[in-house]
Protein backbone atom coordinates (compact mmCIF):
# COMPACT_ATOMS: atom_id res chain seq x y z
CA MET A 1 5.51 -19.17 23.12
CA LYS A 2 3.60 -18.35 26.63
CA GLN A 3 6.24 -19.14 29.15
CA LEU A 4 4.92 -22.41 31.20
CA PHE A 5 3.82 -21.29 35.05
CA ILE A 6 2.39 -24.48 36.40
CA LEU A 7 3.92 -28.19 35.47
CA ILE A 8 1.36 -30.72 36.25
CA SER A 9 3.57 -33.80 35.52
CA LEU A 10 6.11 -34.90 33.43
CA PHE A 11 3.87 -36.48 31.13
CA LEU A 12 2.26 -32.78 30.19
CA LEU A 13 5.46 -31.18 30.47
CA THR A 14 6.80 -33.72 27.68
CA ASN A 15 3.50 -33.51 25.24
CA MET A 16 3.99 -29.84 25.20
CA TYR A 17 7.27 -29.95 24.56
CA VAL A 18 7.05 -31.76 21.89
CA VAL A 19 4.18 -29.49 20.71
CA ALA A 20 6.70 -26.08 21.02
CA GLN A 21 9.04 -28.30 18.72
CA GLU A 22 6.92 -29.00 16.16
CA GLN A 23 5.06 -25.94 15.74
CA PRO A 24 7.39 -22.90 14.02
CA GLN A 25 8.01 -19.78 15.87
CA GLN A 26 6.38 -16.46 14.87
CA THR A 27 9.79 -15.07 13.97
CA ASP A 28 10.11 -18.06 11.19
CA VAL A 29 7.09 -16.79 9.82
CA ASP A 30 8.38 -13.18 9.93
CA ARG A 31 11.70 -14.28 8.07
CA LEU A 32 10.25 -16.11 5.61
CA ARG A 33 7.49 -13.43 4.31
CA SER A 34 10.74 -11.04 4.11
CA LEU A 35 12.55 -13.22 2.33
CA ALA A 36 10.24 -13.92 -0.40
CA ALA A 37 9.00 -10.78 -0.24
CA LYS A 38 13.08 -9.45 -0.95
CA LEU A 39 13.43 -11.50 -3.39
CA ALA A 40 10.12 -10.80 -5.50
CA ASP A 41 11.60 -6.78 -5.24
CA GLN A 42 14.70 -8.45 -6.42
CA LYS A 43 12.89 -9.82 -9.53
CA GLN A 44 14.16 -13.81 -8.21
CA TYR A 45 10.50 -14.50 -8.79
CA ASN A 46 10.78 -18.86 -8.99
CA GLU A 47 12.42 -18.44 -5.50
CA ALA A 48 10.26 -15.75 -3.80
CA VAL A 49 7.16 -18.57 -4.99
CA THR A 50 9.20 -21.32 -3.16
CA LEU A 51 9.99 -19.52 -0.06
CA GLN A 52 5.99 -18.24 -0.11
CA LYS A 53 4.66 -21.62 -0.28
CA ARG A 54 6.96 -22.66 2.87
CA LEU A 55 5.43 -19.71 4.21
CA LEU A 56 2.19 -21.12 3.93
CA GLU A 57 2.72 -24.52 4.74
CA THR A 58 4.43 -22.92 8.16
CA LEU A 59 1.25 -21.03 8.73
CA ARG A 60 -0.57 -24.21 8.55
CA GLN A 61 1.45 -25.46 11.44
CA THR A 62 1.36 -22.56 13.39
CA LYS A 63 -2.23 -22.05 13.23
CA PRO A 64 -4.02 -24.93 11.94
CA ASP A 65 -7.39 -22.67 11.65
CA ILE A 66 -7.45 -20.46 8.45
CA ASP A 67 -7.75 -17.08 9.34
CA SER A 68 -7.56 -13.62 7.66
CA ALA A 69 -3.46 -13.71 7.76
CA TYR A 70 -3.21 -16.86 6.33
CA ILE A 71 -5.59 -16.03 3.01
CA ASP A 72 -3.66 -13.09 2.83
CA GLN A 73 -0.30 -15.02 2.49
CA MET A 74 -2.12 -16.67 -0.25
CA VAL A 75 -2.75 -13.40 -1.93
CA TYR A 76 0.86 -12.71 -2.08
CA LEU A 77 1.37 -16.28 -3.58
CA GLY A 78 -0.67 -15.34 -6.49
CA ARG A 79 1.17 -11.96 -7.00
CA TYR A 80 4.67 -14.02 -7.14
CA LEU A 81 3.15 -16.75 -9.18
CA SER A 82 1.98 -14.18 -11.88
CA ARG A 83 5.28 -12.34 -12.08
CA ASN A 84 6.96 -16.09 -12.54
CA ASN A 85 4.47 -16.46 -15.32
CA GLN A 86 2.65 -19.02 -13.63
CA VAL A 87 -0.47 -17.40 -14.58
CA ASP A 88 -3.32 -20.37 -14.56
CA GLU A 89 -1.77 -21.12 -10.88
CA ALA A 90 -2.16 -17.43 -9.73
CA VAL A 91 -5.66 -17.51 -11.11
CA ASP A 92 -6.40 -20.74 -9.45
CA THR A 93 -4.49 -19.61 -5.85
CA LEU A 94 -6.82 -16.58 -6.03
CA LYS A 95 -9.92 -18.59 -6.57
CA SER A 96 -9.02 -20.56 -3.55
CA ALA A 97 -8.44 -17.62 -1.41
CA LEU A 98 -11.55 -15.92 -2.51
CA LYS A 99 -13.31 -18.86 -1.37
CA LEU A 100 -12.19 -19.23 1.90
CA TYR A 101 -12.66 -15.17 2.57
CA ALA A 102 -16.11 -15.40 1.48
CA ALA A 103 -16.57 -18.27 3.30
CA LYS A 104 -15.35 -17.29 6.71
CA TYR A 105 -15.48 -13.32 6.22
CA SER A 106 -17.33 -11.36 3.86
CA ASP A 107 -18.21 -11.56 -0.27
CA ALA A 108 -18.80 -7.75 -0.39
CA ASP A 109 -15.97 -5.90 2.16
CA TYR A 110 -12.56 -4.16 1.15
CA ASN A 111 -10.70 -6.98 1.13
CA TYR A 112 -12.44 -9.36 -1.48
CA ALA A 113 -12.84 -6.17 -3.64
CA ILE A 114 -9.20 -6.02 -3.78
CA TYR A 115 -8.53 -9.87 -4.07
CA LEU A 116 -11.02 -10.01 -7.23
CA ASP A 117 -9.11 -7.06 -8.67
CA ASN A 118 -6.19 -9.03 -8.28
CA LEU A 119 -7.87 -11.84 -9.69
CA SER A 120 -9.07 -9.99 -13.04
CA LEU A 121 -5.78 -8.83 -13.42
CA TYR A 122 -3.91 -12.63 -13.19
CA LEU A 123 -7.37 -13.48 -15.54
CA GLU A 124 -6.65 -10.87 -18.10
CA SER A 125 -2.96 -11.76 -18.32
CA ALA A 126 -4.16 -15.62 -18.89
CA ARG A 127 -6.43 -13.61 -21.80
CA ARG A 128 -9.40 -14.91 -20.43
CA LEU A 129 -10.79 -11.86 -21.14
CA ASP A 130 -14.74 -12.64 -20.46
CA GLU A 131 -14.23 -13.90 -16.99
CA ALA A 132 -11.60 -10.95 -16.21
CA GLU A 133 -14.15 -8.64 -17.48
CA ALA A 134 -16.75 -10.91 -15.27
CA THR A 135 -14.18 -10.37 -12.19
CA SER A 136 -13.60 -6.62 -12.76
CA ARG A 137 -17.21 -5.65 -13.12
CA ARG A 138 -17.44 -7.66 -9.67
CA ALA A 139 -14.88 -6.38 -8.07
CA PHE A 140 -15.96 -2.54 -8.94
CA GLU A 141 -19.75 -3.40 -7.77
CA VAL A 142 -18.47 -4.25 -4.18
CA TYR A 143 -16.27 -1.09 -3.94
CA ASN A 144 -18.39 1.12 -5.60
CA ASN A 145 -20.91 -0.27 -2.91
CA LEU A 146 -18.45 0.66 0.10
CA ARG A 147 -18.57 4.38 -0.95
CA ARG A 148 -14.98 4.97 -0.93
CA GLN A 149 -13.58 7.50 -3.37
CA ASP A 150 -9.87 6.69 -2.86
CA PHE A 151 -6.64 5.31 -4.85
CA ASP A 152 -7.99 1.87 -4.77
CA PHE A 153 -11.52 2.59 -6.32
CA SER A 154 -9.43 4.58 -8.98
CA VAL A 155 -7.29 1.12 -9.34
CA ILE A 156 -10.42 -0.96 -9.90
CA ALA A 157 -12.09 1.76 -12.09
CA ILE A 158 -9.10 1.71 -14.38
CA ARG A 159 -8.44 -1.79 -14.58
CA LEU A 160 -12.24 -2.48 -15.72
CA ALA A 161 -11.72 0.50 -18.41
CA GLU A 162 -8.73 -1.67 -19.79
CA ILE A 163 -10.46 -4.86 -19.89
CA CYS A 164 -13.17 -3.55 -21.03
CA ASN A 165 -11.35 -2.15 -24.02
CA GLU A 166 -9.07 -5.40 -24.71
CA ASN A 167 -12.98 -7.37 -24.96
CA GLY A 168 -13.99 -4.71 -27.66
CA LYS A 169 -15.96 -2.37 -25.75
CA PRO A 170 -13.94 1.43 -26.33
CA GLN A 171 -17.20 3.26 -25.22
CA GLU A 172 -17.31 1.56 -21.60
CA SER A 173 -13.67 1.63 -21.19
CA LEU A 174 -14.14 5.27 -21.52
CA THR A 175 -16.62 6.04 -18.78
CA TYR A 176 -14.39 3.77 -15.95
CA GLU A 177 -11.31 5.14 -17.23
CA LEU A 178 -12.36 8.31 -16.63
CA LEU A 179 -14.49 8.00 -13.39
CA GLY A 180 -10.90 6.88 -12.56
CA LEU A 181 -8.90 9.61 -13.47
CA SER A 182 -11.54 12.31 -11.42
CA VAL A 183 -10.63 10.32 -8.82
CA LEU A 184 -6.82 10.52 -8.99
CA LYS A 185 -7.54 13.86 -9.82
CA GLU A 186 -9.25 14.38 -6.43
CA LEU A 187 -6.74 13.07 -4.62
CA TYR A 188 -3.05 14.23 -5.87
CA GLY A 189 -3.94 16.92 -8.33
CA GLU A 190 -3.64 17.38 -12.20
CA HIS A 191 0.09 17.96 -12.04
CA SER A 192 0.57 14.32 -10.12
CA ASP A 193 2.96 11.19 -11.87
CA ASN A 194 -0.62 9.21 -10.77
CA TYR A 195 -2.77 11.60 -13.09
CA ILE A 196 -0.73 12.67 -16.05
CA ASP A 197 0.52 8.97 -15.88
CA GLU A 198 -2.68 7.41 -16.59
CA LEU A 199 -3.76 9.96 -19.53
CA PRO A 200 -1.68 7.98 -22.21
CA TYR A 201 -4.30 5.40 -21.62
CA LEU A 202 -7.61 7.78 -21.74
CA GLU A 203 -6.10 9.34 -25.69
CA LYS A 204 -5.96 5.55 -26.22
CA TYR A 205 -9.25 4.71 -25.58
CA TYR A 206 -10.57 7.97 -27.31
CA THR A 207 -9.02 6.76 -30.16
CA ALA A 208 -10.09 3.00 -29.84
CA ALA A 209 -13.48 4.24 -29.77
CA GLY A 210 -13.04 6.23 -32.85
CA ASN A 211 -12.97 9.93 -31.29
CA GLN A 212 -9.56 11.45 -32.63
CA GLU A 213 -10.49 14.84 -31.98
CA LYS A 214 -10.79 14.30 -28.39
CA ALA A 215 -7.66 12.05 -28.38
CA GLU A 216 -5.47 14.55 -30.27
CA ARG A 217 -6.88 16.90 -27.22
CA THR A 218 -5.95 14.77 -24.77
CA LYS A 219 -2.29 14.50 -26.14
CA LYS A 220 -1.79 18.01 -26.07
CA ARG A 221 -3.46 18.34 -22.53
CA ILE A 222 -0.45 15.50 -21.64
CA GLU A 223 2.32 17.49 -22.67
CA GLN A 224 1.16 20.63 -21.58
CA LEU A 225 0.88 19.34 -17.80
CA THR A 226 4.11 17.38 -18.40
CA LYS A 227 5.86 20.45 -18.96
CA GLU A 228 4.27 22.09 -16.06
CA ARG A 229 5.40 19.13 -13.63
CA GLU A 230 8.88 19.69 -14.90
CA GLU A 231 8.88 23.13 -14.09
CA GLY A 232 7.98 22.08 -10.65
CA TYR A 233 4.34 23.31 -10.55
CA PHE A 234 1.83 21.60 -7.50
CA ASP A 235 -1.35 21.47 -7.00
CA MET A 236 -1.18 22.91 -3.59
CA PRO A 237 -4.35 23.08 -1.68
CA LYS A 238 -5.76 26.62 -0.45
CA PRO A 239 -4.47 27.60 2.92
CA VAL A 240 -7.28 26.25 5.65
CA GLU A 241 -7.46 27.54 8.91
CA PHE A 242 -7.66 23.60 10.99
CA THR A 243 -9.62 25.08 13.88
CA THR A 244 -12.11 21.56 14.40
CA ALA A 245 -11.71 17.72 13.47
CA GLU A 246 -14.95 18.31 10.97
CA ILE A 247 -12.95 20.68 8.77
CA CYS A 248 -9.86 18.65 9.06
CA HIS A 249 -11.90 15.77 7.74
CA GLU A 250 -13.05 17.33 4.95
CA HIS A 251 -9.72 18.01 3.45
CA ASN A 252 -8.75 14.39 4.27
CA ASN A 253 -7.72 14.14 0.30
CA ASP A 254 -5.65 17.05 0.04
CA VAL A 255 -3.60 16.42 3.17
CA LEU A 256 -3.28 12.94 1.18
CA ARG A 257 -1.81 14.94 -1.70
CA CYS A 258 0.46 16.87 0.36
CA CYS A 259 1.80 13.12 2.36
CA VAL A 260 2.99 12.09 -1.06
CA TYR A 261 4.56 15.03 -2.53
CA PHE A 262 6.17 15.79 0.63
CA LEU A 263 7.18 11.82 0.58
CA THR A 264 8.42 11.91 -3.06
CA HIS A 265 10.49 15.25 -3.40
CA ARG A 266 13.91 16.47 -1.93
CA LEU A 267 13.60 18.84 1.05
CA ASN A 268 14.53 21.69 -1.68
CA ALA A 269 11.62 21.31 -4.26
CA PRO A 270 9.29 24.39 -4.28
CA HIS A 271 6.34 24.12 -2.02
CA MET A 272 8.02 21.92 0.29
CA ASN A 273 8.03 24.43 3.12
CA ASP A 274 4.27 24.96 2.70
CA VAL A 275 3.11 21.63 2.02
CA ALA A 276 5.01 20.62 5.33
CA GLN A 277 2.97 23.27 7.30
CA TYR A 278 -0.36 21.66 5.95
CA ILE A 279 0.54 17.91 7.00
CA PHE A 280 1.33 19.41 10.50
CA LYS A 281 -1.66 22.00 11.35
CA TRP A 282 -3.66 19.30 9.69
CA SER A 283 -2.30 16.79 11.93
CA VAL A 284 -2.83 18.57 15.25
CA SER A 285 -6.59 19.04 14.97
CA SER A 286 -7.51 15.80 13.11
CA ALA A 287 -9.40 13.06 14.30
CA ASP A 288 -9.06 10.68 12.07
CA VAL A 289 -5.20 10.03 12.65
CA SER A 290 -3.67 9.06 15.84
CA ILE A 291 0.24 9.64 15.46
CA ASP A 292 2.32 8.09 18.22
CA VAL A 293 5.99 8.89 18.38
CA GLY A 294 8.48 6.55 19.39
CA GLU A 295 11.93 7.42 20.67
CA THR A 296 13.17 6.86 17.44
CA ILE A 297 11.71 9.68 15.52
CA GLY A 298 11.60 11.66 19.43
CA GLU A 299 15.68 11.27 19.46
CA VAL A 300 16.24 12.57 15.90
CA THR A 301 14.19 15.65 16.16
CA ALA A 302 15.61 16.34 19.79
CA LYS A 303 19.18 15.53 18.68
CA GLN A 304 19.31 16.77 14.96
CA GLY A 305 16.91 19.67 15.72
CA ASN A 306 15.58 18.61 12.23
CA MET A 307 11.44 18.82 12.40
CA ASN A 308 11.69 17.48 8.45
CA TYR A 309 11.65 14.21 9.08
CA MET A 310 9.34 14.42 11.97
CA ILE A 311 7.08 15.55 9.12
CA ALA A 312 7.73 12.83 7.11
CA TYR A 313 6.86 10.36 9.46
CA MET A 314 3.78 12.43 9.95
CA ALA A 315 3.37 12.14 6.40
CA ALA A 316 3.95 8.44 6.19
CA THR A 317 1.68 7.51 9.16
CA SER A 318 -1.04 9.86 8.04
CA TYR A 319 -0.99 8.41 4.44
CA PHE A 320 -1.53 4.80 5.39
CA CYS A 321 -3.98 5.49 8.04
CA LEU A 322 -6.22 7.67 5.57
CA ARG A 323 -5.68 5.24 2.93
CA ASN A 324 -6.53 2.39 4.80
CA GLN A 325 -9.28 4.23 7.21
CA VAL A 326 -7.60 3.42 10.60
CA LYS A 327 -6.93 5.70 13.01
CA SER A 328 -3.50 4.62 14.00
CA VAL A 329 -0.64 2.06 12.57
CA ASP A 330 -0.71 -1.39 13.69
CA GLU A 331 2.98 -2.94 14.40
CA ASP A 332 3.17 -4.17 10.81
CA ALA A 333 2.64 -0.86 9.30
CA TYR A 334 4.84 0.61 11.65
CA LEU A 335 7.56 -1.24 9.86
CA LYS A 336 5.94 0.34 6.42
CA VAL A 337 5.64 3.79 7.94
CA PHE A 338 9.81 3.23 8.65
CA ASP A 339 10.55 2.25 5.23
CA ALA A 340 8.86 4.79 3.62
CA LEU A 341 10.29 7.18 6.36
CA LEU A 342 13.93 5.51 4.94
CA GLU A 343 13.37 6.30 1.61
CA PHE A 344 12.94 9.42 2.39
CA TYR A 345 16.14 10.03 4.32
CA GLU A 346 18.13 8.42 1.63
CA GLN A 347 17.06 11.02 -0.89
CA ASN A 348 17.30 13.76 1.23
CA LYS A 349 20.39 12.92 3.75
CA GLU A 350 22.89 15.13 1.25
CA LEU A 351 20.65 17.94 2.31
CA SER A 352 20.33 17.44 6.20
CA GLY A 353 23.24 15.61 6.82
CA GLU A 354 23.57 11.99 7.83
CA VAL A 355 21.56 11.00 11.07
CA ASP A 356 23.19 8.14 13.07
CA VAL A 357 19.82 6.31 13.96
CA PHE A 358 18.87 6.15 10.35
CA GLU A 359 22.75 5.07 9.31
CA ASN A 360 21.95 2.23 11.72
CA PHE A 361 18.55 1.72 10.44
CA LEU A 362 20.02 1.01 7.08
CA LYS A 363 22.65 -1.50 8.32
CA LEU A 364 20.16 -3.18 10.26
CA LYS A 365 17.98 -3.35 7.79
CA GLU A 366 20.47 -5.01 4.86
CA LYS A 367 21.27 -7.40 7.86
CA ASN A 368 17.44 -8.10 7.85
CA LYS A 369 17.41 -7.08 11.40
CA LEU A 370 15.32 -3.60 11.39
CA ALA A 371 12.17 -5.51 11.93
CA ASP A 372 12.95 -7.06 15.50
CA LYS A 373 14.32 -3.67 16.40
CA LEU A 374 11.53 -1.44 15.10
CA ARG A 375 8.78 -4.45 16.80
CA ALA A 376 10.13 -3.91 20.25
CA GLU A 377 9.80 0.22 19.94
CA TYR A 378 6.60 0.02 18.54
CA ARG A 379 5.26 -2.29 21.72
CA LYS A 380 7.38 0.15 23.85
CA MET A 381 5.85 2.77 22.66
CA LYS A 382 2.40 1.06 23.10
CA GLN A 383 3.00 0.21 26.60
């Protein structure tokens, strides 16, 4: 709420005071969003739906004009409704969100494609398969036109494969499944969880299409890759001299794979040192990502003398930026970066030793007070 510097009259002051009382503070919105998300994480979906509806009403009071933030929260409501087995209401909510977004923004951009993909999932859950397939095809068309061969593209292609298979079109399902898998392999390597965990669906679709030979071959490949993964095998990119921003850009997918590996493994896992070096050298020369270092990471690095958490911060920041095709994180993304960083810390603190700052952050997170501290740190960092 902006501070009033000039008071024209008691009448104006009184009216502005009434408005201020009637319009919820932004902190109320943040609190409701955080609580709804936390309830959903705890699988208390009915309560999450109730809070999310209250959040939307709060946003309507705070911002009478519908904007992208409001529409995004409608999408979250759809997600909670679906998980609460209120699938028809989830479908209606997503359709309303799509209509609003298309009217105000676009029916051919990234967000529109993602919202369509969500809608296709809910339609599939409602067993409205013809409508689900048409919606999924539209999501694929929109995203394919963006020329982005990223994780979201693979998700949309794989969703379309699943719906085609359920709708009695196994040959088409194979086309989209193989396309999605090729992107996952390029992004994360064939020994990644993302790639291996998706292969059983390829086996399933080969079987549905009557190609038992390829189904059996796929099954054996799954067994081989799983065994190699358990032995610690990682599809490490070849060493590169990152001398220019152009060279860095050519290896964005490789560094994404390294970021995922670093953030999801313990510090004593194979390849961690090589992966850390790859991320660090790429980050120094890349023009695609700008990494700002706030007081927390600076303090941890200076006091602990431990670069691993700096690398984890760089990895989380780079991953978010590359996935969302932005150069730097905004305030909300800064919170997500620290969520990833704290998860990394919790799985590694036995090896690194406890870090006082992170321990304090975990306590603040339990009390739902961490977001405010991180937002303040972000604003200070950007001054």
